[in-house]
Amino acid sequence: MREPGRIDARQHQVSMKKFDKDKLSDVDIYLGEPNEQVRESLRAMMRGEGLRRTRTFSRIDDMINALKEAPPDLLIVATDIDPTLFDVIRDIRHFKMGRNPFIMITLMVRAEDDEAVKRAILAGADDVMIKPVSPGKLLERVAHLTINRLPFIVTTDYVGPERRRAGETRPSKIKLLNVVNTLKKKVDDQRLTQGELNREVENCMNEVMAARLDSHGLKLGWVCNIILKSYEEKRVDKELEDRILILVSVLEDASRTARAIGEPELANICTQMARQVEEMAETYQNPTDTQLGTIRKLTKAFELAKTAKMPPPAPPAEAPPAGDQQAATG
C-alpha cells in the first residue's frame, strides 16, 4: 500500500511559508510514542521548530486522560503504543471521547505492518506516516496537511477525511464537510476561545449527524436490494439473515442519530421500522408478503420520514422573516 499524503513541491513551498516558527508557539500537540529515544528526539525537534507546547506520552491511558481534559490541535501517535489505539481514534472521530472530534491526527506505522496502515485510514486519521519518521519529514507533512486538509465524509461507520484522489468518482451522493481546524486557525492567527470552539464543534457535529442520516438512507437502499435479490434467486441462507439484521442495526443507529439532532418523531419511526424488520429476521426463511413489502418500501419510507422532518428553507433575503428559523440547522 502506498503511503498516504504525498506532497506536491509547489504546495509544499506554500505550506511551509505559512507554517513559520513565530506562529507555532501556541499550537498544542500530543505526541504518543512508546520508545523513549524516538519520543524525546521528536519532541526536541518540534520544540526546536517553535512547537513548544508539545506533550509526550508513553502510555495510551495517560494520553486518553489528557484528551478528555483538553483537546490538542494535533495528535501524533505511533500505532504500536497500544493495540486499542485504532478504537481510540475512531471514538475521537465519532465524538465518543474528548471535546473536539476534528483534531488533526497523524499516525506513525511500522513499515512492515500493512494491516496497521489500513486500520489507521479506516479509523479516520488525517495522515499515516511510515516509521522511522524523520523529524523534518514529519514537520513538512504536518504543515502541508494543516493548510491543505481534506474535507470529511460521513458514512454509517466512518467519520474522517475523504481519501478519493482527484479524478476518481464516488458512486453515491456523500456530502463533503469542511470541519473546524484549530491548528490552521492558530497558524492564521485566528485563535478560538473555548466557547467559540464548542460552538464550532457543535455546528460541525450537526452537519455530521445530518450526513450520517443521508448515509443511512444509502445503506438501507443497498442492503434492501441485496435482500430482495436473494429471495428472488431462492438464496435463503444464514448470510441473508445477517443482511436483515444489518437493516435492524442501521435503523437503530438512524434512530439514535435522529434523537441526537432533536428529531424524536423520526427517531420513533426508525425504531418502529427496526422492530418490524427484527420480527422478519426471526422467520426469514418463510417471510410473509407483508414483510417482503416492508423491505421493498423501507428505503422510500425512511427518506419520506426524514424529508418530512427537515426544517423548511430560509426565506429570501428581501422577504420578512418567518418566525425564528435558522437555515444553518438544515
C-alpha atoms as a PDB file:
ATOM      1  CA  MET A   1       0.000   0.000   0.000  1.00  0.00           C
ATOM      2  CA  ARG A   2       1.309   3.427  -0.887  1.00  0.00           C
ATOM      3  CA  GLU A   3       1.983   5.836   1.935  1.00  0.00           C
ATOM      4  CA  PRO A   4      -0.849   8.409   2.032  1.00  0.00           C
ATOM      5  CA  GLY A   5      -0.199  12.115   1.712  1.00  0.00           C
ATOM      6  CA  ARG A   6       2.449  12.642  -0.979  1.00  0.00           C
ATOM      7  CA  ILE A   7       3.222  16.321  -1.221  1.00  0.00           C
ATOM      8  CA  ASP A   8       3.431  18.367  -4.401  1.00  0.00           C
ATOM      9  CA  ALA A   9       6.583  20.544  -4.370  1.00  0.00           C
ATOM     10  CA  ARG A  10       4.709  23.772  -5.102  1.00  0.00           C
ATOM     11  CA  GLN A  11       2.093  23.075  -2.430  1.00  0.00           C
ATOM     12  CA  HIS A  12       4.920  22.266  -0.011  1.00  0.00           C
ATOM     13  CA  GLN A  13       6.553  25.675  -0.532  1.00  0.00           C
ATOM     14  CA  VAL A  14       3.262  27.463   0.099  1.00  0.00           C
ATOM     15  CA  SER A  15       2.522  25.375   3.204  1.00  0.00           C
ATOM     16  CA  MET A  16       5.939  25.840   4.793  1.00  0.00           C
ATOM     17  CA  LYS A  17       5.849  29.599   4.131  1.00  0.00           C
ATOM     18  CA  LYS A  18       2.618  29.873   6.134  1.00  0.00           C
ATOM     19  CA  PHE A  19       3.897  27.479   8.788  1.00  0.00           C
ATOM     20  CA  ASP A  20       6.739  29.623  10.145  1.00  0.00           C
ATOM     21  CA  LYS A  21       8.074  29.400  13.680  1.00  0.00           C
ATOM     22  CA  ASP A  22       6.660  32.621  15.050  1.00  0.00           C
ATOM     23  CA  LYS A  23       3.103  31.320  14.543  1.00  0.00           C
ATOM     24  CA  LEU A  24       3.590  27.965  16.268  1.00  0.00           C
ATOM     25  CA  SER A  25       4.186  28.875  19.892  1.00  0.00           C
ATOM     26  CA  ASP A  26       0.518  28.388  20.891  1.00  0.00           C
ATOM     27  CA  VAL A  27      -0.074  25.153  18.966  1.00  0.00           C
ATOM     28  CA  ASP A  28      -0.966  22.277  21.325  1.00  0.00           C
ATOM     29  CA  ILE A  29       0.431  18.901  20.301  1.00  0.00           C
ATOM     30  CA  TYR A  30       0.090  15.494  21.945  1.00  0.00           C
ATOM     31  CA  LEU A  31       2.821  13.060  20.930  1.00  0.00           C
ATOM     32  CA  GLY A  32       2.412   9.362  21.773  1.00  0.00           C
ATOM     33  CA  GLU A  33       5.401   7.072  21.254  1.00  0.00           C
ATOM     34  CA  PRO A  34       6.397   4.074  23.409  1.00  0.00           C
ATOM     35  CA  ASN A  35      10.113   4.254  22.521  1.00  0.00           C
ATOM     36  CA  GLU A  36      11.750   6.805  24.822  1.00  0.00           C
ATOM     37  CA  GLN A  37      14.631   7.642  22.482  1.00  0.00           C
ATOM     38  CA  VAL A  38      12.336   8.226  19.500  1.00  0.00           C
ATOM     39  CA  ARG A  39       9.841  10.133  21.612  1.00  0.00           C
ATOM     40  CA  GLU A  40      12.394  12.532  23.055  1.00  0.00           C
ATOM     41  CA  SER A  41      14.065  13.054  19.679  1.00  0.00           C
ATOM     42  CA  LEU A  42      10.763  14.057  18.095  1.00  0.00           C
ATOM     43  CA  ARG A  43       9.852  16.332  20.989  1.00  0.00           C
ATOM     44  CA  ALA A  44      13.240  18.078  20.856  1.00  0.00           C
ATOM     45  CA  MET A  45      12.871  18.620  17.107  1.00  0.00           C
ATOM     46  CA  MET A  46       9.360  20.008  17.434  1.00  0.00           C
ATOM     47  CA  ARG A  47      10.295  22.358  20.220  1.00  0.00           C
ATOM     48  CA  GLY A  48      13.292  23.464  18.183  1.00  0.00           C
ATOM     49  CA  GLU A  49      10.900  24.392  15.372  1.00  0.00           C
ATOM     50  CA  GLY A  50       8.820  26.562  17.678  1.00  0.00           C
ATOM     51  CA  LEU A  51       6.261  23.920  18.738  1.00  0.00           C
ATOM     52  CA  ARG A  52       6.937  24.434  22.413  1.00  0.00           C
ATOM     53  CA  ARG A  53       3.547  23.183  23.654  1.00  0.00           C
ATOM     54  CA  THR A  54       4.300  19.529  22.854  1.00  0.00           C
ATOM     55  CA  ARG A  55       3.239  16.977  25.498  1.00  0.00           C
ATOM     56  CA  THR A  56       4.566  13.455  25.225  1.00  0.00           C
ATOM     57  CA  PHE A  57       3.030  10.151  26.304  1.00  0.00           C
ATOM     58  CA  SER A  58       4.476   6.672  26.553  1.00  0.00           C
ATOM     59  CA  ARG A  59       1.187   5.041  27.633  1.00  0.00           C
ATOM     60  CA  ILE A  60      -2.176   5.304  25.927  1.00  0.00           C
ATOM     61  CA  ASP A  61      -4.092   5.660  29.224  1.00  0.00           C
ATOM     62  CA  ASP A  62      -2.236   8.877  30.039  1.00  0.00           C
ATOM     63  CA  MET A  63      -2.909  10.163  26.526  1.00  0.00           C
ATOM     64  CA  ILE A  64      -6.626   9.371  26.831  1.00  0.00           C
ATOM     65  CA  ASN A  65      -6.870  11.223  30.145  1.00  0.00           C
ATOM     66  CA  ALA A  66      -5.227  14.264  28.560  1.00  0.00           C
ATOM     67  CA  LEU A  67      -7.615  14.125  25.580  1.00  0.00           C
ATOM     68  CA  LYS A  68     -10.580  14.128  27.946  1.00  0.00           C
ATOM     69  CA  GLU A  69      -9.251  17.154  29.809  1.00  0.00           C
ATOM     70  CA  ALA A  70      -8.392  19.357  26.818  1.00  0.00           C
ATOM     71  CA  PRO A  71      -8.192  18.773  23.059  1.00  0.00           C
ATOM     72  CA  PRO A  72      -4.870  19.328  21.281  1.00  0.00           C
ATOM     73  CA  ASP A  73      -4.665  20.909  17.850  1.00  0.00           C
ATOM     74  CA  LEU A  74      -2.650  17.940  16.613  1.00  0.00           C
ATOM     75  CA  LEU A  75      -2.340  14.357  17.812  1.00  0.00           C
ATOM     76  CA  ILE A  76       0.719  12.425  16.620  1.00  0.00           C
ATOM     77  CA  VAL A  77       0.883   8.845  17.845  1.00  0.00           C
ATOM     78  CA  ALA A  78       2.640   5.605  16.975  1.00  0.00           C
ATOM     79  CA  THR A  79       0.273   2.706  16.305  1.00  0.00           C
ATOM     80  CA  ASP A  80       2.412   0.362  18.396  1.00  0.00           C
ATOM     81  CA  ILE A  81       1.707   2.350  21.559  1.00  0.00           C
ATOM     82  CA  ASP A  82      -1.270   0.062  22.287  1.00  0.00           C
ATOM     83  CA  PRO A  83      -3.485  -2.422  20.387  1.00  0.00           C
ATOM     84  CA  THR A  84      -6.581  -0.363  21.258  1.00  0.00           C
ATOM     85  CA  LEU A  85      -5.304   2.794  19.537  1.00  0.00           C
ATOM     86  CA  PHE A  86      -7.470   2.388  16.426  1.00  0.00           C
ATOM     87  CA  ASP A  87     -10.595   2.173  18.596  1.00  0.00           C
ATOM     88  CA  VAL A  88      -9.471   5.320  20.417  1.00  0.00           C
ATOM     89  CA  ILE A  89      -9.042   7.217  17.141  1.00  0.00           C
ATOM     90  CA  ARG A  90     -12.453   6.040  15.957  1.00  0.00           C
ATOM     91  CA  ASP A  91     -14.019   7.123  19.262  1.00  0.00           C
ATOM     92  CA  ILE A  92     -12.455  10.572  18.872  1.00  0.00           C
ATOM     93  CA  ARG A  93     -13.882  10.947  15.371  1.00  0.00           C
ATOM     94  CA  HIS A  94     -17.348   9.755  16.470  1.00  0.00           C
ATOM     95  CA  PHE A  95     -17.265  12.212  19.411  1.00  0.00           C
ATOM     96  CA  LYS A  96     -17.319   9.434  21.981  1.00  0.00           C
ATOM     97  CA  MET A  97     -14.067  10.681  23.506  1.00  0.00           C
ATOM     98  CA  GLY A  98     -12.607  14.115  24.019  1.00  0.00           C
ATOM     99  CA  ARG A  99     -14.028  17.565  23.336  1.00  0.00           C
ATOM    100  CA  ASN A 100     -13.126  18.046  19.668  1.00  0.00           C
ATOM    101  CA  PRO A 101     -13.615  15.165  17.194  1.00  0.00           C
ATOM    102  CA  PHE A 102     -11.956  17.188  14.418  1.00  0.00           C
ATOM    103  CA  ILE A 103      -8.427  17.488  15.776  1.00  0.00           C
ATOM    104  CA  MET A 104      -5.687  16.801  13.241  1.00  0.00           C
ATOM    105  CA  ILE A 105      -4.437  13.217  13.650  1.00  0.00           C
ATOM    106  CA  THR A 106      -1.209  11.737  12.289  1.00  0.00           C
ATOM    107  CA  LEU A 107      -0.460   8.071  12.943  1.00  0.00           C
ATOM    108  CA  MET A 108       3.039   6.577  12.666  1.00  0.00           C
ATOM    109  CA  VAL A 109       3.126   2.955  11.464  1.00  0.00           C
ATOM    110  CA  ARG A 110       5.905   0.372  11.189  1.00  0.00           C
ATOM    111  CA  ALA A 111       6.928  -0.222   7.564  1.00  0.00           C
ATOM    112  CA  GLU A 112       6.172  -3.944   7.668  1.00  0.00           C
ATOM    113  CA  ASP A 113       2.694  -3.505   9.156  1.00  0.00           C
ATOM    114  CA  ASP A 114       0.390  -3.102   6.129  1.00  0.00           C
ATOM    115  CA  GLU A 115      -2.645  -4.026   8.218  1.00  0.00           C
ATOM    116  CA  ALA A 116      -1.981  -1.127  10.587  1.00  0.00           C
ATOM    117  CA  VAL A 117      -1.885   1.287   7.635  1.00  0.00           C
ATOM    118  CA  LYS A 118      -5.331   0.115   6.530  1.00  0.00           C
ATOM    119  CA  ARG A 119      -6.738   0.296  10.044  1.00  0.00           C
ATOM    120  CA  ALA A 120      -5.294   3.774  10.584  1.00  0.00           C
ATOM    121  CA  ILE A 121      -7.031   5.054   7.454  1.00  0.00           C
ATOM    122  CA  LEU A 122     -10.333   3.380   8.349  1.00  0.00           C
ATOM    123  CA  ALA A 123     -10.189   4.857  11.863  1.00  0.00           C
ATOM    124  CA  GLY A 124     -10.247   8.378  10.375  1.00  0.00           C
ATOM    125  CA  ALA A 125      -6.657   9.617  10.659  1.00  0.00           C
ATOM    126  CA  ASP A 126      -5.693  12.670   8.600  1.00  0.00           C
ATOM    127  CA  ASP A 127      -2.315  11.204   7.738  1.00  0.00           C
ATOM    128  CA  VAL A 128      -0.336   7.982   8.055  1.00  0.00           C
ATOM    129  CA  MET A 129       3.471   8.053   8.091  1.00  0.00           C
ATOM    130  CA  ILE A 130       5.769   5.061   7.810  1.00  0.00           C
ATOM    131  CA  LYS A 131       8.360   4.653  10.585  1.00  0.00           C
ATOM    132  CA  PRO A 132      11.093   5.575  11.076  1.00  0.00           C
ATOM    133  CA  VAL A 133       9.762   9.116  10.745  1.00  0.00           C
ATOM    134  CA  SER A 134      12.392  11.791  10.185  1.00  0.00           C
ATOM    135  CA  PRO A 135      11.675  14.981  12.155  1.00  0.00           C
ATOM    136  CA  GLY A 136      11.980  17.156   9.045  1.00  0.00           C
ATOM    137  CA  LYS A 137       9.585  14.982   7.049  1.00  0.00           C
ATOM    138  CA  LEU A 138       7.078  14.977   9.908  1.00  0.00           C
ATOM    139  CA  LEU A 139       7.023  18.764  10.080  1.00  0.00           C
ATOM    140  CA  GLU A 140       6.665  19.034   6.284  1.00  0.00           C
ATOM    141  CA  ARG A 141       3.674  16.710   6.279  1.00  0.00           C
ATOM    142  CA  VAL A 142       2.017  18.442   9.222  1.00  0.00           C
ATOM    143  CA  ALA A 143       2.466  21.824   7.537  1.00  0.00           C
ATOM    144  CA  HIS A 144       1.056  20.571   4.239  1.00  0.00           C
ATOM    145  CA  LEU A 145      -1.987  18.881   5.756  1.00  0.00           C
ATOM    146  CA  THR A 146      -2.721  21.841   8.012  1.00  0.00           C
ATOM    147  CA  ILE A 147      -3.045  24.173   5.032  1.00  0.00           C
ATOM    148  CA  ASN A 148      -4.494  21.601   2.614  1.00  0.00           C
ATOM    149  CA  ARG A 149      -6.692  19.490   4.866  1.00  0.00           C
ATOM    150  CA  LEU A 150      -9.027  17.097   3.092  1.00  0.00           C
ATOM    151  CA  PRO A 151     -12.780  17.563   3.616  1.00  0.00           C
ATOM    152  CA  PHE A 152     -14.514  14.979   5.793  1.00  0.00           C
ATOM    153  CA  ILE A 153     -17.135  12.459   4.781  1.00  0.00           C
ATOM    154  CA  VAL A 154     -19.568  10.562   6.981  1.00  0.00           C
ATOM    155  CA  THR A 155     -20.939   7.062   6.486  1.00  0.00           C
ATOM    156  CA  THR A 156     -22.768   4.767   8.881  1.00  0.00           C
ATOM    157  CA  ASP A 157     -19.456   3.634  10.384  1.00  0.00           C
ATOM    158  CA  TYR A 158     -16.814   6.180   9.295  1.00  0.00           C
ATOM    159  CA  VAL A 159     -16.061   9.807  10.065  1.00  0.00           C
ATOM    160  CA  GLY A 160     -12.882  11.187   8.554  1.00  0.00           C
ATOM    161  CA  PRO A 161     -11.089  12.568   5.512  1.00  0.00           C
ATOM    162  CA  GLU A 162     -12.350  11.813   2.003  1.00  0.00           C
ATOM    163  CA  ARG A 163      -9.444   9.897   0.522  1.00  0.00           C
ATOM    164  CA  ARG A 164     -10.542   9.627  -3.092  1.00  0.00           C
ATOM    165  CA  ARG A 165      -7.944  11.173  -5.365  1.00  0.00           C
ATOM    166  CA  ALA A 166      -8.751  13.827  -7.971  1.00  0.00           C
ATOM    167  CA  GLY A 167     -10.480  12.258 -10.947  1.00  0.00           C
ATOM    168  CA  GLU A 168     -11.946   9.340  -9.012  1.00  0.00           C
ATOM    169  CA  THR A 169     -15.712   9.232  -8.827  1.00  0.00           C
ATOM    170  CA  ARG A 170     -17.760   8.218  -5.835  1.00  0.00           C
ATOM    171  CA  PRO A 171     -20.912   6.340  -6.859  1.00  0.00           C
ATOM    172  CA  SER A 172     -23.030   7.827  -4.086  1.00  0.00           C
ATOM    173  CA  LYS A 173     -24.049  11.352  -3.091  1.00  0.00           C
ATOM    174  CA  ILE A 174     -21.926  11.567   0.035  1.00  0.00           C
ATOM    175  CA  LYS A 175     -21.574  15.172   1.173  1.00  0.00           C
ATOM    176  CA  LEU A 176     -18.129  16.706   1.719  1.00  0.00           C
ATOM    177  CA  LEU A 177     -17.770  18.579   5.023  1.00  0.00           C
ATOM    178  CA  ASN A 178     -15.237  21.286   5.870  1.00  0.00           C
ATOM    179  CA  VAL A 179     -14.668  20.768   9.594  1.00  0.00           C
ATOM    180  CA  VAL A 180     -13.084  23.055  12.160  1.00  0.00           C
ATOM    181  CA  ASN A 181      -9.277  23.035  12.053  1.00  0.00           C
ATOM    182  CA  THR A 182      -7.876  24.667  15.187  1.00  0.00           C
ATOM    183  CA  LEU A 183      -4.288  24.096  14.061  1.00  0.00           C
ATOM    184  CA  LYS A 184      -4.794  26.129  10.895  1.00  0.00           C
ATOM    185  CA  LYS A 185      -6.654  28.821  12.808  1.00  0.00           C
ATOM    186  CA  LYS A 186      -3.683  29.260  15.126  1.00  0.00           C
ATOM    187  CA  VAL A 187      -1.278  29.400  12.197  1.00  0.00           C
ATOM    188  CA  ASP A 188      -3.559  32.053  10.671  1.00  0.00           C
ATOM    189  CA  ASP A 189      -3.675  33.991  13.976  1.00  0.00           C
ATOM    190  CA  GLN A 190      -7.352  33.154  14.491  1.00  0.00           C
ATOM    191  CA  ARG A 191      -7.345  31.601  17.934  1.00  0.00           C
ATOM    192  CA  LEU A 192     -10.652  30.335  19.315  1.00  0.00           C
ATOM    193  CA  THR A 193     -11.865  30.706  22.858  1.00  0.00           C
ATOM    194  CA  GLN A 194     -13.227  27.537  24.461  1.00  0.00           C
ATOM    195  CA  GLY A 195     -16.762  28.822  23.948  1.00  0.00           C
ATOM    196  CA  GLU A 196     -16.107  29.561  20.271  1.00  0.00           C
ATOM    197  CA  LEU A 197     -14.575  26.117  19.799  1.00  0.00           C
ATOM    198  CA  ASN A 198     -17.569  24.471  21.443  1.00  0.00           C
ATOM    199  CA  ARG A 199     -19.918  26.291  19.065  1.00  0.00           C
ATOM    200  CA  GLU A 200     -17.826  25.373  16.015  1.00  0.00           C
ATOM    201  CA  VAL A 201     -17.722  21.717  17.084  1.00  0.00           C
ATOM    202  CA  GLU A 202     -21.488  21.741  17.683  1.00  0.00           C
ATOM    203  CA  ASN A 203     -22.146  23.214  14.230  1.00  0.00           C
ATOM    204  CA  CYS A 204     -19.858  20.669  12.574  1.00  0.00           C
ATOM    205  CA  MET A 205     -21.421  17.807  14.509  1.00  0.00           C
ATOM    206  CA  ASN A 206     -24.882  18.893  13.336  1.00  0.00           C
ATOM    207  CA  GLU A 207     -23.580  18.544   9.781  1.00  0.00           C
ATOM    208  CA  VAL A 208     -22.042  15.174  10.634  1.00  0.00           C
ATOM    209  CA  MET A 209     -25.327  13.888  12.043  1.00  0.00           C
ATOM    210  CA  ALA A 210     -27.304  15.096   9.033  1.00  0.00           C
ATOM    211  CA  ALA A 211     -24.767  13.469   6.721  1.00  0.00           C
ATOM    212  CA  ARG A 212     -24.998  10.260   8.735  1.00  0.00           C
ATOM    213  CA  LEU A 213     -28.765  10.185   8.241  1.00  0.00           C
ATOM    214  CA  ASP A 214     -28.179  10.551   4.491  1.00  0.00           C
ATOM    215  CA  SER A 215     -25.694   7.684   4.665  1.00  0.00           C
ATOM    216  CA  HIS A 216     -28.235   5.531   6.488  1.00  0.00           C
ATOM    217  CA  GLY A 217     -30.621   6.008   3.587  1.00  0.00           C
ATOM    218  CA  LEU A 218     -27.944   4.986   1.081  1.00  0.00           C
ATOM    219  CA  LYS A 219     -27.024   1.889   3.067  1.00  0.00           C
ATOM    220  CA  LEU A 220     -30.666   0.911   3.600  1.00  0.00           C
ATOM    221  CA  GLY A 221     -31.257   1.015  -0.158  1.00  0.00           C
ATOM    222  CA  TRP A 222     -28.177  -1.069  -0.874  1.00  0.00           C
ATOM    223  CA  VAL A 223     -28.962  -3.753   1.727  1.00  0.00           C
ATOM    224  CA  CYS A 224     -32.669  -3.915   0.830  1.00  0.00           C
ATOM    225  CA  ASN A 225     -31.811  -4.554  -2.827  1.00  0.00           C
ATOM    226  CA  ILE A 226     -29.455  -7.403  -1.855  1.00  0.00           C
ATOM    227  CA  ILE A 227     -32.110  -8.966   0.405  1.00  0.00           C
ATOM    228  CA  LEU A 228     -34.814  -8.835  -2.261  1.00  0.00           C
ATOM    229  CA  LYS A 229     -32.461 -10.287  -4.864  1.00  0.00           C
ATOM    230  CA  SER A 230     -31.601 -13.158  -2.513  1.00  0.00           C
ATOM    231  CA  TYR A 231     -35.282 -14.027  -2.118  1.00  0.00           C
ATOM    232  CA  GLU A 232     -35.856 -13.780  -5.878  1.00  0.00           C
ATOM    233  CA  GLU A 233     -32.949 -16.160  -6.512  1.00  0.00           C
ATOM    234  CA  LYS A 234     -34.023 -18.525  -3.697  1.00  0.00           C
ATOM    235  CA  ARG A 235     -30.773 -17.963  -1.787  1.00  0.00           C
ATOM    236  CA  VAL A 236     -32.320 -18.181   1.670  1.00  0.00           C
ATOM    237  CA  ASP A 237     -29.352 -18.824   3.946  1.00  0.00           C
ATOM    238  CA  LYS A 238     -27.536 -17.559   7.028  1.00  0.00           C
ATOM    239  CA  GLU A 239     -25.975 -14.720   5.001  1.00  0.00           C
ATOM    240  CA  LEU A 240     -29.472 -13.470   4.172  1.00  0.00           C
ATOM    241  CA  GLU A 241     -30.393 -13.474   7.846  1.00  0.00           C
ATOM    242  CA  ASP A 242     -27.244 -11.459   8.569  1.00  0.00           C
ATOM    243  CA  ARG A 243     -28.274  -8.899   5.944  1.00  0.00           C
ATOM    244  CA  ILE A 244     -31.675  -8.496   7.566  1.00  0.00           C
ATOM    245  CA  LEU A 245     -30.033  -7.950  10.948  1.00  0.00           C
ATOM    246  CA  ILE A 246     -27.817  -5.310   9.352  1.00  0.00           C
ATOM    247  CA  LEU A 247     -31.004  -3.448   8.436  1.00  0.00           C
ATOM    248  CA  VAL A 248     -32.040  -3.580  12.082  1.00  0.00           C
ATOM    249  CA  SER A 249     -28.724  -2.114  13.249  1.00  0.00           C
ATOM    250  CA  VAL A 250     -28.770   0.643  10.602  1.00  0.00           C
ATOM    251  CA  LEU A 251     -32.309   1.653  11.573  1.00  0.00           C
ATOM    252  CA  GLU A 252     -31.427   1.632  15.275  1.00  0.00           C
ATOM    253  CA  ASP A 253     -28.399   3.830  14.619  1.00  0.00           C
ATOM    254  CA  ALA A 254     -30.546   6.128  12.484  1.00  0.00           C
ATOM    255  CA  SER A 255     -32.948   6.379  15.431  1.00  0.00           C
ATOM    256  CA  ARG A 256     -30.102   7.375  17.783  1.00  0.00           C
ATOM    257  CA  THR A 257     -28.807   9.901  15.248  1.00  0.00           C
ATOM    258  CA  ALA A 258     -32.242  11.454  14.774  1.00  0.00           C
ATOM    259  CA  ARG A 259     -32.730  11.746  18.519  1.00  0.00           C
ATOM    260  CA  ALA A 260     -29.298  13.364  18.875  1.00  0.00           C
ATOM    261  CA  ILE A 261     -30.232  16.160  16.458  1.00  0.00           C
ATOM    262  CA  GLY A 262     -33.603  16.794  18.124  1.00  0.00           C
ATOM    263  CA  GLU A 263     -35.907  14.787  15.845  1.00  0.00           C
ATOM    264  CA  PRO A 264     -37.802  12.460  18.243  1.00  0.00           C
ATOM    265  CA  GLU A 265     -40.589  11.674  15.762  1.00  0.00           C
ATOM    266  CA  LEU A 266     -38.114  10.489  13.126  1.00  0.00           C
ATOM    267  CA  ALA A 267     -36.320   8.529  15.844  1.00  0.00           C
ATOM    268  CA  ASN A 268     -39.565   6.772  16.792  1.00  0.00           C
ATOM    269  CA  ILE A 269     -40.334   5.932  13.156  1.00  0.00           C
ATOM    270  CA  CYS A 270     -36.880   4.392  12.729  1.00  0.00           C
ATOM    271  CA  THR A 271     -37.338   2.360  15.904  1.00  0.00           C
ATOM    272  CA  GLN A 272     -40.721   1.075  14.713  1.00  0.00           C
ATOM    273  CA  MET A 273     -39.248   0.069  11.358  1.00  0.00           C
ATOM    274  CA  ALA A 274     -36.365  -1.666  13.147  1.00  0.00           C
ATOM    275  CA  ARG A 275     -38.799  -3.752  15.204  1.00  0.00           C
ATOM    276  CA  GLN A 276     -40.719  -4.773  12.068  1.00  0.00           C
ATOM    277  CA  VAL A 277     -37.531  -5.911  10.338  1.00  0.00           C
ATOM    278  CA  GLU A 278     -36.406  -7.674  13.526  1.00  0.00           C
ATOM    279  CA  GLU A 279     -39.610  -9.726  13.519  1.00  0.00           C
ATOM    280  CA  MET A 280     -38.911 -10.676   9.913  1.00  0.00           C
ATOM    281  CA  ALA A 281     -35.425 -11.874  10.879  1.00  0.00           C
ATOM    282  CA  GLU A 282     -36.977 -14.393  13.267  1.00  0.00           C
ATOM    283  CA  THR A 283     -38.859 -16.077  10.405  1.00  0.00           C
ATOM    284  CA  TYR A 284     -36.645 -15.052   7.495  1.00  0.00           C
ATOM    285  CA  GLN A 285     -36.876 -18.480   5.829  1.00  0.00           C
ATOM    286  CA  ASN A 286     -40.614 -18.017   5.235  1.00  0.00           C
ATOM    287  CA  PRO A 287     -41.363 -14.299   5.008  1.00  0.00           C
ATOM    288  CA  THR A 288     -44.931 -13.091   4.503  1.00  0.00           C
ATOM    289  CA  ASP A 289     -45.916 -10.924   1.557  1.00  0.00           C
ATOM    290  CA  THR A 290     -46.383  -8.072   4.007  1.00  0.00           C
ATOM    291  CA  GLN A 291     -42.821  -8.455   5.307  1.00  0.00           C
ATOM    292  CA  LEU A 292     -41.376  -8.520   1.785  1.00  0.00           C
ATOM    293  CA  GLY A 293     -43.447  -5.425   1.024  1.00  0.00           C
ATOM    294  CA  THR A 294     -41.909  -3.726   4.047  1.00  0.00           C
ATOM    295  CA  ILE A 295     -38.414  -4.379   2.669  1.00  0.00           C
ATOM    296  CA  ARG A 296     -39.435  -3.024  -0.743  1.00  0.00           C
ATOM    297  CA  LYS A 297     -40.828   0.167   0.783  1.00  0.00           C
ATOM    298  CA  LEU A 298     -38.307   0.604   3.583  1.00  0.00           C
ATOM    299  CA  THR A 299     -35.876   2.971   1.880  1.00  0.00           C
ATOM    300  CA  LYS A 300     -38.631   5.186   0.482  1.00  0.00           C
ATOM    301  CA  ALA A 301     -40.416   5.266   3.845  1.00  0.00           C
ATOM    302  CA  PHE A 302     -37.180   6.307   5.579  1.00  0.00           C
ATOM    303  CA  GLU A 303     -36.472   9.050   3.046  1.00  0.00           C
ATOM    304  CA  LEU A 304     -40.039  10.372   3.270  1.00  0.00           C
ATOM    305  CA  ALA A 305     -39.887  10.420   7.069  1.00  0.00           C
ATOM    306  CA  LYS A 306     -36.513  12.156   7.001  1.00  0.00           C
ATOM    307  CA  THR A 307     -37.637  14.743   4.444  1.00  0.00           C
ATOM    308  CA  ALA A 308     -40.790  15.455   6.415  1.00  0.00           C
ATOM    309  CA  LYS A 309     -38.722  16.311   9.465  1.00  0.00           C
ATOM    310  CA  MET A 310     -36.225  18.558   7.658  1.00  0.00           C
ATOM    311  CA  PRO A 311     -36.683  22.245   8.510  1.00  0.00           C
ATOM    312  CA  PRO A 312     -38.047  24.455   5.720  1.00  0.00           C
ATOM    313  CA  PRO A 313     -35.570  26.536   3.688  1.00  0.00           C
ATOM    314  CA  ALA A 314     -34.759  30.037   4.859  1.00  0.00           C
ATOM    315  CA  PRO A 315     -36.873  32.817   3.317  1.00  0.00           C
ATOM    316  CA  PRO A 316     -35.318  35.052   0.622  1.00  0.00           C
ATOM    317  CA  ALA A 317     -33.305  37.968   1.952  1.00  0.00           C
ATOM    318  CA  GLU A 318     -35.911  40.508   0.854  1.00  0.00           C
ATOM    319  CA  ALA A 319     -38.806  38.635   2.417  1.00  0.00           C
ATOM    320  CA  PRO A 320     -39.892  39.237   6.015  1.00  0.00           C
ATOM    321  CA  PRO A 321     -38.504  36.588   8.390  1.00  0.00           C
ATOM    322  CA  ALA A 322     -40.868  33.717   9.184  1.00  0.00           C
ATOM    323  CA  GLY A 323     -40.543  33.026  12.890  1.00  0.00           C
ATOM    324  CA  ASP A 324     -37.116  32.281  14.180  1.00  0.00           C
ATOM    325  CA  GLN A 325     -35.929  29.739  11.625  1.00  0.00           C
ATOM    326  CA  GLN A 326     -32.218  29.239  11.103  1.00  0.00           C
ATOM    327  CA  ALA A 327     -31.030  27.932   7.766  1.00  0.00           C
ATOM    328  CA  ALA A 328     -27.936  26.523   9.423  1.00  0.00           C
ATOM    329  CA  THR A 329     -29.965  23.731  11.004  1.00  0.00           C
ATOM    330  CA  GLY A 330     -30.919  22.337   7.600  1.00  0.00           C
END
